[in-house]
Amino acid sequence: GRRLGLGVVPAASLLGDAELASPAFGLRGGASDILLSIVAKQ
């Protein structure tokens, strides 16, 4: 969305909202290294 220019169309607020939320995506419920460790044990 950022690369293809959604920031300058009516969806700009949606993109901005998602960007503000995104830092938590990979942390809550387990960081990536924890998840990969679970998969590797399997």
PDB file of all heavy atoms in Angstrom:
ATOM      1  N   GLY A   1       0.812  -1.211   0.000  1.00  0.00           N
ATOM      2  CA  GLY A   1       0.000   0.000   0.000  1.00  0.00           C
ATOM      3  C   GLY A   1       0.841   1.254   0.000  1.00  0.00           C
ATOM      4  O   GLY A   1       0.545   2.233  -0.711  1.00  0.00           O
ATOM      5  N   ARG A   2       1.921   1.228   0.756  1.00  0.00           N
ATOM      6  CA  ARG A   2       2.833   2.379   0.809  1.00  0.00           C
ATOM      7  C   ARG A   2       3.542   2.550  -0.533  1.00  0.00           C
ATOM      8  O   ARG A   2       3.622   3.654  -1.074  1.00  0.00           O
ATOM      9  CB  ARG A   2       3.849   2.162   1.932  1.00  0.00           C
ATOM     10  CG  ARG A   2       4.783   3.346   2.173  1.00  0.00           C
ATOM     11  CD  ARG A   2       5.864   2.996   3.169  1.00  0.00           C
ATOM     12  NE  ARG A   2       5.329   2.573   4.449  1.00  0.00           N
ATOM     13  CZ  ARG A   2       5.468   1.360   4.959  1.00  0.00           C
ATOM     14  NH1 ARG A   2       6.114   0.427   4.268  1.00  0.00           N
ATOM     15  NH2 ARG A   2       4.980   1.054   6.133  1.00  0.00           N
ATOM     16  N   ARG A   3       4.042   1.464  -1.082  1.00  0.00           N
ATOM     17  CA  ARG A   3       4.838   1.517  -2.314  1.00  0.00           C
ATOM     18  C   ARG A   3       3.987   1.901  -3.523  1.00  0.00           C
ATOM     19  O   ARG A   3       4.472   2.578  -4.433  1.00  0.00           O
ATOM     20  CB  ARG A   3       5.492   0.153  -2.529  1.00  0.00           C
ATOM     21  CG  ARG A   3       6.329   0.028  -3.796  1.00  0.00           C
ATOM     22  CD  ARG A   3       7.190  -1.221  -3.746  1.00  0.00           C
ATOM     23  NE  ARG A   3       6.435  -2.407  -3.420  1.00  0.00           N
ATOM     24  CZ  ARG A   3       5.771  -3.144  -4.294  1.00  0.00           C
ATOM     25  NH1 ARG A   3       5.763  -2.783  -5.575  1.00  0.00           N
ATOM     26  NH2 ARG A   3       5.124  -4.217  -3.918  1.00  0.00           N
ATOM     27  N   LEU A   4       2.727   1.493  -3.510  1.00  0.00           N
ATOM     28  CA  LEU A   4       1.874   1.716  -4.677  1.00  0.00           C
ATOM     29  C   LEU A   4       0.986   2.945  -4.536  1.00  0.00           C
ATOM     30  O   LEU A   4       0.060   3.146  -5.310  1.00  0.00           O
ATOM     31  CB  LEU A   4       1.023   0.473  -4.933  1.00  0.00           C
ATOM     32  CG  LEU A   4       1.854  -0.772  -5.286  1.00  0.00           C
ATOM     33  CD1 LEU A   4       0.992  -2.016  -5.292  1.00  0.00           C
ATOM     34  CD2 LEU A   4       2.532  -0.588  -6.644  1.00  0.00           C
ATOM     35  N   GLY A   5       1.261   3.760  -3.531  1.00  0.00           N
ATOM     36  CA  GLY A   5       0.653   5.075  -3.489  1.00  0.00           C
ATOM     37  C   GLY A   5      -0.712   5.184  -2.853  1.00  0.00           C
ATOM     38  O   GLY A   5      -1.456   6.131  -3.146  1.00  0.00           O
ATOM     39  N   LEU A   6      -1.084   4.262  -1.930  1.00  0.00           N
ATOM     40  CA  LEU A   6      -2.379   4.399  -1.278  1.00  0.00           C
ATOM     41  C   LEU A   6      -2.447   5.620  -0.360  1.00  0.00           C
ATOM     42  O   LEU A   6      -3.531   6.053   0.014  1.00  0.00           O
ATOM     43  CB  LEU A   6      -2.705   3.145  -0.450  1.00  0.00           C
ATOM     44  CG  LEU A   6      -3.188   1.914  -1.209  1.00  0.00           C
ATOM     45  CD1 LEU A   6      -3.683   0.864  -0.227  1.00  0.00           C
ATOM     46  CD2 LEU A   6      -4.286   2.253  -2.199  1.00  0.00           C
ATOM     47  N   GLY A   7      -1.295   6.164  -0.018  1.00  0.00           N
ATOM     48  CA  GLY A   7      -1.285   7.329   0.852  1.00  0.00           C
ATOM     49  C   GLY A   7      -1.834   8.583   0.212  1.00  0.00           C
ATOM     50  O   GLY A   7      -2.062   9.577   0.905  1.00  0.00           O
ATOM     51  N   VAL A   8      -2.098   8.557  -1.096  1.00  0.00           N
ATOM     52  CA  VAL A   8      -2.600   9.751  -1.779  1.00  0.00           C
ATOM     53  C   VAL A   8      -3.976   9.513  -2.410  1.00  0.00           C
ATOM     54  O   VAL A   8      -4.421  10.283  -3.240  1.00  0.00           O
ATOM     55  CB  VAL A   8      -1.615  10.240  -2.862  1.00  0.00           C
ATOM     56  CG1 VAL A   8      -0.315  10.688  -2.227  1.00  0.00           C
ATOM     57  CG2 VAL A   8      -1.344   9.133  -3.893  1.00  0.00           C
ATOM     58  N   VAL A   9      -4.650   8.439  -1.988  1.00  0.00           N
ATOM     59  CA  VAL A   9      -6.002   8.160  -2.474  1.00  0.00           C
ATOM     60  C   VAL A   9      -6.933   8.131  -1.262  1.00  0.00           C
ATOM     61  O   VAL A   9      -6.477   8.242  -0.123  1.00  0.00           O
ATOM     62  CB  VAL A   9      -6.055   6.807  -3.239  1.00  0.00           C
ATOM     63  CG1 VAL A   9      -5.131   6.851  -4.433  1.00  0.00           C
ATOM     64  CG2 VAL A   9      -5.699   5.651  -2.330  1.00  0.00           C
ATOM     65  N   PRO A  10      -8.256   7.998  -1.466  1.00  0.00           N
ATOM     66  CA  PRO A  10      -9.168   8.014  -0.316  1.00  0.00           C
ATOM     67  C   PRO A  10      -8.862   6.995   0.766  1.00  0.00           C
ATOM     68  O   PRO A  10      -9.309   7.154   1.901  1.00  0.00           O
ATOM     69  CB  PRO A  10     -10.527   7.730  -0.976  1.00  0.00           C
ATOM     70  CG  PRO A  10     -10.396   8.298  -2.340  1.00  0.00           C
ATOM     71  CD  PRO A  10      -8.978   8.027  -2.741  1.00  0.00           C
ATOM     72  N   ALA A  11      -8.109   5.950   0.456  1.00  0.00           N
ATOM     73  CA  ALA A  11      -7.780   4.931   1.452  1.00  0.00           C
ATOM     74  C   ALA A  11      -6.598   5.326   2.338  1.00  0.00           C
ATOM     75  O   ALA A  11      -6.123   4.522   3.141  1.00  0.00           O
ATOM     76  CB  ALA A  11      -7.460   3.607   0.753  1.00  0.00           C
ATOM     77  N   ALA A  12      -6.109   6.558   2.217  1.00  0.00           N
ATOM     78  CA  ALA A  12      -4.915   6.973   2.957  1.00  0.00           C
ATOM     79  C   ALA A  12      -5.059   6.771   4.460  1.00  0.00           C
ATOM     80  O   ALA A  12      -4.122   6.328   5.139  1.00  0.00           O
ATOM     81  CB  ALA A  12      -4.602   8.441   2.657  1.00  0.00           C
ATOM     82  N   SER A  13      -6.244   7.076   5.006  1.00  0.00           N
ATOM     83  CA  SER A  13      -6.424   6.941   6.450  1.00  0.00           C
ATOM     84  C   SER A  13      -6.365   5.481   6.880  1.00  0.00           C
ATOM     85  O   SER A  13      -5.866   5.162   7.959  1.00  0.00           O
ATOM     86  CB  SER A  13      -7.751   7.558   6.881  1.00  0.00           C
ATOM     87  OG  SER A  13      -8.844   6.906   6.247  1.00  0.00           O
ATOM     88  N   LEU A  14      -6.867   4.577   6.035  1.00  0.00           N
ATOM     89  CA  LEU A  14      -6.785   3.149   6.339  1.00  0.00           C
ATOM     90  C   LEU A  14      -5.339   2.687   6.374  1.00  0.00           C
ATOM     91  O   LEU A  14      -4.933   1.929   7.253  1.00  0.00           O
ATOM     92  CB  LEU A  14      -7.562   2.337   5.298  1.00  0.00           C
ATOM     93  CG  LEU A  14      -9.078   2.503   5.280  1.00  0.00           C
ATOM     94  CD1 LEU A  14      -9.675   1.731   4.113  1.00  0.00           C
ATOM     95  CD2 LEU A  14      -9.682   2.017   6.599  1.00  0.00           C
ATOM     96  N   LEU A  15      -4.547   3.133   5.403  1.00  0.00           N
ATOM     97  CA  LEU A  15      -3.140   2.772   5.371  1.00  0.00           C
ATOM     98  C   LEU A  15      -2.426   3.322   6.599  1.00  0.00           C
ATOM     99  O   LEU A  15      -1.655   2.615   7.249  1.00  0.00           O
ATOM    100  CB  LEU A  15      -2.481   3.301   4.097  1.00  0.00           C
ATOM    101  CG  LEU A  15      -0.982   3.034   3.966  1.00  0.00           C
ATOM    102  CD1 LEU A  15      -0.693   1.536   3.946  1.00  0.00           C
ATOM    103  CD2 LEU A  15      -0.427   3.701   2.712  1.00  0.00           C
ATOM    104  N   GLY A  16      -2.683   4.572   6.937  1.00  0.00           N
ATOM    105  CA  GLY A  16      -2.041   5.160   8.103  1.00  0.00           C
ATOM    106  C   GLY A  16      -2.417   4.444   9.381  1.00  0.00           C
ATOM    107  O   GLY A  16      -1.569   4.208  10.262  1.00  0.00           O
ATOM    108  N   ASP A  17      -3.682   4.059   9.517  1.00  0.00           N
ATOM    109  CA  ASP A  17      -4.147   3.329  10.685  1.00  0.00           C
ATOM    110  C   ASP A  17      -3.418   1.989  10.803  1.00  0.00           C
ATOM    111  O   ASP A  17      -2.974   1.584  11.889  1.00  0.00           O
ATOM    112  CB  ASP A  17      -5.654   3.108  10.548  1.00  0.00           C
ATOM    113  CG  ASP A  17      -6.326   2.791  11.874  1.00  0.00           C
ATOM    114  OD1 ASP A  17      -5.880   3.292  12.908  1.00  0.00           O
ATOM    115  OD2 ASP A  17      -7.320   2.042  11.855  1.00  0.00           O
ATOM    116  N   ALA A  18      -3.296   1.292   9.683  1.00  0.00           N
ATOM    117  CA  ALA A  18      -2.615  -0.004   9.686  1.00  0.00           C
ATOM    118  C   ALA A  18      -1.134   0.142  10.007  1.00  0.00           C
ATOM    119  O   ALA A  18      -0.555  -0.683  10.723  1.00  0.00           O
ATOM    120  CB  ALA A  18      -2.797  -0.690   8.333  1.00  0.00           C
ATOM    121  N   GLU A  19      -0.506   1.188   9.475  1.00  0.00           N
ATOM    122  CA  GLU A  19       0.912   1.412   9.758  1.00  0.00           C
ATOM    123  C   GLU A  19       1.152   1.658  11.241  1.00  0.00           C
ATOM    124  O   GLU A  19       2.123   1.164  11.814  1.00  0.00           O
ATOM    125  CB  GLU A  19       1.427   2.595   8.935  1.00  0.00           C
ATOM    126  CG  GLU A  19       1.609   2.287   7.463  1.00  0.00           C
ATOM    127  CD  GLU A  19       2.172   3.475   6.693  1.00  0.00           C
ATOM    128  OE1 GLU A  19       1.552   4.553   6.728  1.00  0.00           O
ATOM    129  OE2 GLU A  19       3.238   3.309   6.069  1.00  0.00           O
ATOM    130  N   LEU A  20       0.259   2.408  11.877  1.00  0.00           N
ATOM    131  CA  LEU A  20       0.409   2.673  13.309  1.00  0.00           C
ATOM    132  C   LEU A  20       0.264   1.402  14.134  1.00  0.00           C
ATOM    133  O   LEU A  20       0.918   1.237  15.169  1.00  0.00           O
ATOM    134  CB  LEU A  20      -0.633   3.702  13.758  1.00  0.00           C
ATOM    135  CG  LEU A  20      -0.395   5.148  13.311  1.00  0.00           C
ATOM    136  CD1 LEU A  20      -1.595   6.009  13.649  1.00  0.00           C
ATOM    137  CD2 LEU A  20       0.863   5.708  13.969  1.00  0.00           C
ATOM    138  N   ALA A  21      -0.590   0.497  13.680  1.00  0.00           N
ATOM    139  CA  ALA A  21      -0.808  -0.757  14.412  1.00  0.00           C
ATOM    140  C   ALA A  21       0.289  -1.781  14.162  1.00  0.00           C
ATOM    141  O   ALA A  21       0.546  -2.653  15.000  1.00  0.00           O
ATOM    142  CB  ALA A  21      -2.157  -1.347  14.025  1.00  0.00           C
ATOM    143  N   SER A  22       0.960  -1.693  13.013  1.00  0.00           N
ATOM    144  CA  SER A  22       1.813  -2.779  12.529  1.00  0.00           C
ATOM    145  C   SER A  22       3.010  -3.145  13.410  1.00  0.00           C
ATOM    146  O   SER A  22       3.422  -4.318  13.387  1.00  0.00           O
ATOM    147  CB  SER A  22       2.299  -2.466  11.114  1.00  0.00           C
ATOM    148  OG  SER A  22       3.106  -1.297  11.091  1.00  0.00           O
ATOM    149  N   PRO A  23       3.625  -2.231  14.179  1.00  0.00           N
ATOM    150  CA  PRO A  23       4.765  -2.671  14.992  1.00  0.00           C
ATOM    151  C   PRO A  23       4.445  -3.820  15.946  1.00  0.00           C
ATOM    152  O   PRO A  23       5.338  -4.587  16.314  1.00  0.00           O
ATOM    153  CB  PRO A  23       5.155  -1.399  15.757  1.00  0.00           C
ATOM    154  CG  PRO A  23       4.749  -0.289  14.865  1.00  0.00           C
ATOM    155  CD  PRO A  23       3.470  -0.760  14.245  1.00  0.00           C
ATOM    156  N   ALA A  24       3.187  -3.938  16.334  1.00  0.00           N
ATOM    157  CA  ALA A  24       2.817  -4.998  17.277  1.00  0.00           C
ATOM    158  C   ALA A  24       2.543  -6.335  16.601  1.00  0.00           C
ATOM    159  O   ALA A  24       2.482  -7.367  17.277  1.00  0.00           O
ATOM    160  CB  ALA A  24       1.585  -4.574  18.076  1.00  0.00           C
ATOM    161  N   PHE A  25       2.377  -6.340  15.267  1.00  0.00           N
ATOM    162  CA  PHE A  25       1.951  -7.570  14.591  1.00  0.00           C
ATOM    163  C   PHE A  25       2.881  -8.749  14.897  1.00  0.00           C
ATOM    164  O   PHE A  25       2.423  -9.860  15.149  1.00  0.00           O
ATOM    165  CB  PHE A  25       1.892  -7.366  13.074  1.00  0.00           C
ATOM    166  CG  PHE A  25       0.790  -6.479  12.589  1.00  0.00           C
ATOM    167  CD1 PHE A  25       0.670  -6.197  11.229  1.00  0.00           C
ATOM    168  CD2 PHE A  25      -0.129  -5.914  13.449  1.00  0.00           C
ATOM    169  CE1 PHE A  25      -0.344  -5.376  10.748  1.00  0.00           C
ATOM    170  CE2 PHE A  25      -1.137  -5.084  12.990  1.00  0.00           C
ATOM    171  CZ  PHE A  25      -1.241  -4.820  11.632  1.00  0.00           C
ATOM    172  N   GLY A  26       4.175  -8.512  14.839  1.00  0.00           N
ATOM    173  CA  GLY A  26       5.130  -9.599  15.002  1.00  0.00           C
ATOM    174  C   GLY A  26       5.528  -9.888  16.432  1.00  0.00           C
ATOM    175  O   GLY A  26       6.385 -10.748  16.673  1.00  0.00           O
ATOM    176  N   LEU A  27       4.919  -9.190  17.400  1.00  0.00           N
ATOM    177  CA  LEU A  27       5.285  -9.369  18.808  1.00  0.00           C
ATOM    178  C   LEU A  27       4.192 -10.057  19.611  1.00  0.00           C
ATOM    179  O   LEU A  27       4.455 -11.013  20.335  1.00  0.00           O
ATOM    180  CB  LEU A  27       5.611  -8.007  19.443  1.00  0.00           C
ATOM    181  CG  LEU A  27       6.814  -7.263  18.863  1.00  0.00           C
ATOM    182  CD1 LEU A  27       6.914  -5.879  19.490  1.00  0.00           C
ATOM    183  CD2 LEU A  27       8.098  -8.049  19.085  1.00  0.00           C
ATOM    184  N   ARG A  28       2.966  -9.558  19.505  1.00  0.00           N
ATOM    185  CA  ARG A  28       1.890 -10.102  20.341  1.00  0.00           C
ATOM    186  C   ARG A  28       1.627 -11.559  19.956  1.00  0.00           C
ATOM    187  O   ARG A  28       1.638 -11.931  18.788  1.00  0.00           O
ATOM    188  CB  ARG A  28       0.630  -9.258  20.161  1.00  0.00           C
ATOM    189  CG  ARG A  28       0.123  -9.231  18.740  1.00  0.00           C
ATOM    190  CD  ARG A  28      -0.860  -8.113  18.520  1.00  0.00           C
ATOM    191  NE  ARG A  28      -1.368  -8.175  17.149  1.00  0.00           N
ATOM    192  CZ  ARG A  28      -1.980  -7.182  16.542  1.00  0.00           C
ATOM    193  NH1 ARG A  28      -2.151  -6.030  17.174  1.00  0.00           N
ATOM    194  NH2 ARG A  28      -2.432  -7.314  15.305  1.00  0.00           N
ATOM    195  N   GLY A  29       1.401 -12.357  20.958  1.00  0.00           N
ATOM    196  CA  GLY A  29       1.161 -13.776  20.709  1.00  0.00           C
ATOM    197  C   GLY A  29       2.412 -14.569  20.397  1.00  0.00           C
ATOM    198  O   GLY A  29       2.325 -15.747  20.051  1.00  0.00           O
ATOM    199  N   GLY A  30       3.596 -13.946  20.528  1.00  0.00           N
ATOM    200  CA  GLY A  30       4.842 -14.651  20.261  1.00  0.00           C
ATOM    201  C   GLY A  30       5.624 -14.046  19.127  1.00  0.00           C
ATOM    202  O   GLY A  30       5.104 -13.871  18.022  1.00  0.00           O
ATOM    203  N   ALA A  31       6.877 -13.686  19.410  1.00  0.00           N
ATOM    204  CA  ALA A  31       7.751 -13.124  18.382  1.00  0.00           C
ATOM    205  C   ALA A  31       8.133 -14.207  17.375  1.00  0.00           C
ATOM    206  O   ALA A  31       7.994 -15.409  17.626  1.00  0.00           O
ATOM    207  CB  ALA A  31       8.993 -12.525  19.026  1.00  0.00           C
ATOM    208  N   SER A  32       8.662 -13.776  16.235  1.00  0.00           N
ATOM    209  CA  SER A  32       8.945 -14.708  15.137  1.00  0.00           C
ATOM    210  C   SER A  32       9.913 -15.815  15.531  1.00  0.00           C
ATOM    211  O   SER A  32       9.746 -16.975  15.132  1.00  0.00           O
ATOM    212  CB  SER A  32       9.496 -13.932  13.938  1.00  0.00           C
ATOM    213  OG  SER A  32       8.519 -13.070  13.411  1.00  0.00           O
ATOM    214  N   ASP A  33      10.954 -15.476  16.321  1.00  0.00           N
ATOM    215  CA  ASP A  33      11.914 -16.520  16.690  1.00  0.00           C
ATOM    216  C   ASP A  33      11.268 -17.591  17.568  1.00  0.00           C
ATOM    217  O   ASP A  33      11.613 -18.780  17.469  1.00  0.00           O
ATOM    218  CB  ASP A  33      13.135 -15.905  17.379  1.00  0.00           C
ATOM    219  CG  ASP A  33      12.787 -15.088  18.604  1.00  0.00           C
ATOM    220  OD1 ASP A  33      11.624 -14.667  18.732  1.00  0.00           O
ATOM    221  OD2 ASP A  33      13.685 -14.859  19.443  1.00  0.00           O
ATOM    222  N   ILE A  34      10.293 -17.196  18.407  1.00  0.00           N
ATOM    223  CA  ILE A  34       9.580 -18.170  19.230  1.00  0.00           C
ATOM    224  C   ILE A  34       8.740 -19.084  18.342  1.00  0.00           C
ATOM    225  O   ILE A  34       8.726 -20.307  18.508  1.00  0.00           O
ATOM    226  CB  ILE A  34       8.682 -17.443  20.246  1.00  0.00           C
ATOM    227  CG1 ILE A  34       9.506 -16.529  21.172  1.00  0.00           C
ATOM    228  CG2 ILE A  34       7.869 -18.445  21.045  1.00  0.00           C
ATOM    229  CD1 ILE A  34      10.494 -17.252  22.034  1.00  0.00           C
ATOM    230  N   LEU A  35       8.044 -18.495  17.388  1.00  0.00           N
ATOM    231  CA  LEU A  35       7.193 -19.287  16.496  1.00  0.00           C
ATOM    232  C   LEU A  35       8.008 -20.258  15.660  1.00  0.00           C
ATOM    233  O   LEU A  35       7.633 -21.425  15.497  1.00  0.00           O
ATOM    234  CB  LEU A  35       6.395 -18.351  15.583  1.00  0.00           C
ATOM    235  CG  LEU A  35       5.484 -17.341  16.290  1.00  0.00           C
ATOM    236  CD1 LEU A  35       4.895 -16.371  15.273  1.00  0.00           C
ATOM    237  CD2 LEU A  35       4.382 -18.039  17.066  1.00  0.00           C
ATOM    238  N   LEU A  36       9.134 -19.790  15.131  1.00  0.00           N
ATOM    239  CA  LEU A  36       9.995 -20.664  14.334  1.00  0.00           C
ATOM    240  C   LEU A  36      10.565 -21.795  15.178  1.00  0.00           C
ATOM    241  O   LEU A  36      10.752 -22.917  14.695  1.00  0.00           O
ATOM    242  CB  LEU A  36      11.114 -19.848  13.695  1.00  0.00           C
ATOM    243  CG  LEU A  36      10.669 -18.897  12.576  1.00  0.00           C
ATOM    244  CD1 LEU A  36      11.828 -18.006  12.140  1.00  0.00           C
ATOM    245  CD2 LEU A  36      10.108 -19.662  11.391  1.00  0.00           C
ATOM    246  N   SER A  37      10.842 -21.504  16.439  1.00  0.00           N
ATOM    247  CA  SER A  37      11.335 -22.550  17.344  1.00  0.00           C
ATOM    248  C   SER A  37      10.283 -23.639  17.541  1.00  0.00           C
ATOM    249  O   SER A  37      10.603 -24.840  17.539  1.00  0.00           O
ATOM    250  CB  SER A  37      11.709 -21.934  18.699  1.00  0.00           C
ATOM    251  OG  SER A  37      12.068 -22.938  19.622  1.00  0.00           O
ATOM    252  N   ILE A  38       9.023 -23.241  17.683  1.00  0.00           N
ATOM    253  CA  ILE A  38       7.937 -24.214  17.837  1.00  0.00           C
ATOM    254  C   ILE A  38       7.811 -25.087  16.597  1.00  0.00           C
ATOM    255  O   ILE A  38       7.688 -26.312  16.684  1.00  0.00           O
ATOM    256  CB  ILE A  38       6.608 -23.470  18.124  1.00  0.00           C
ATOM    257  CG1 ILE A  38       6.660 -22.807  19.495  1.00  0.00           C
ATOM    258  CG2 ILE A  38       5.414 -24.433  18.038  1.00  0.00           C
ATOM    259  CD1 ILE A  38       5.516 -21.854  19.742  1.00  0.00           C
ATOM    260  N   VAL A  39       7.873 -24.460  15.425  1.00  0.00           N
ATOM    261  CA  VAL A  39       7.778 -25.211  14.173  1.00  0.00           C
ATOM    262  C   VAL A  39       8.969 -26.145  14.005  1.00  0.00           C
ATOM    263  O   VAL A  39       8.823 -27.304  13.596  1.00  0.00           O
ATOM    264  CB  VAL A  39       7.655 -24.258  12.986  1.00  0.00           C
ATOM    265  CG1 VAL A  39       7.680 -25.015  11.661  1.00  0.00           C
ATOM    266  CG2 VAL A  39       6.391 -23.415  13.079  1.00  0.00           C
ATOM    267  N   ALA A  40      10.176 -25.664  14.362  1.00  0.00           N
ATOM    268  CA  ALA A  40      11.381 -26.485  14.235  1.00  0.00           C
ATOM    269  C   ALA A  40      11.328 -27.723  15.134  1.00  0.00           C
ATOM    270  O   ALA A  40      11.760 -28.806  14.726  1.00  0.00           O
ATOM    271  CB  ALA A  40      12.612 -25.655  14.573  1.00  0.00           C
ATOM    272  N   LYS A  41      10.775 -27.561  16.325  1.00  0.00           N
ATOM    273  CA  LYS A  41      10.662 -28.712  17.230  1.00  0.00           C
ATOM    274  C   LYS A  41       9.723 -29.744  16.642  1.00  0.00           C
ATOM    275  O   LYS A  41       9.933 -30.960  16.801  1.00  0.00           O
ATOM    276  CB  LYS A  41      10.176 -28.244  18.587  1.00  0.00           C
ATOM    277  CG  LYS A  41      11.223 -27.453  19.367  1.00  0.00           C
ATOM    278  CD  LYS A  41      10.658 -26.899  20.657  1.00  0.00           C
ATOM    279  CE  LYS A  41      11.712 -26.060  21.380  1.00  0.00           C
ATOM    280  NZ  LYS A  41      11.175 -25.411  22.611  1.00  0.00           N
ATOM    281  N   GLN A  42       8.668 -29.301  15.971  1.00  0.00           N
ATOM    282  CA  GLN A  42       7.771 -30.233  15.321  1.00  0.00           C
ATOM    283  C   GLN A  42       8.502 -31.013  14.226  1.00  0.00           C
ATOM    284  O   GLN A  42       8.361 -32.224  14.104  1.00  0.00           O
ATOM    285  CB  GLN A  42       6.577 -29.491  14.715  1.00  0.00           C
ATOM    286  CG  GLN A  42       5.613 -30.403  13.958  1.00  0.00           C
ATOM    287  CD  GLN A  42       4.605 -29.615  13.131  1.00  0.00           C
ATOM    288  OE1 GLN A  42       4.927 -28.542  12.620  1.00  0.00           O
ATOM    289  NE2 GLN A  42       3.400 -30.130  13.004  1.00  0.00           N
TER     290      GLN A  42
END
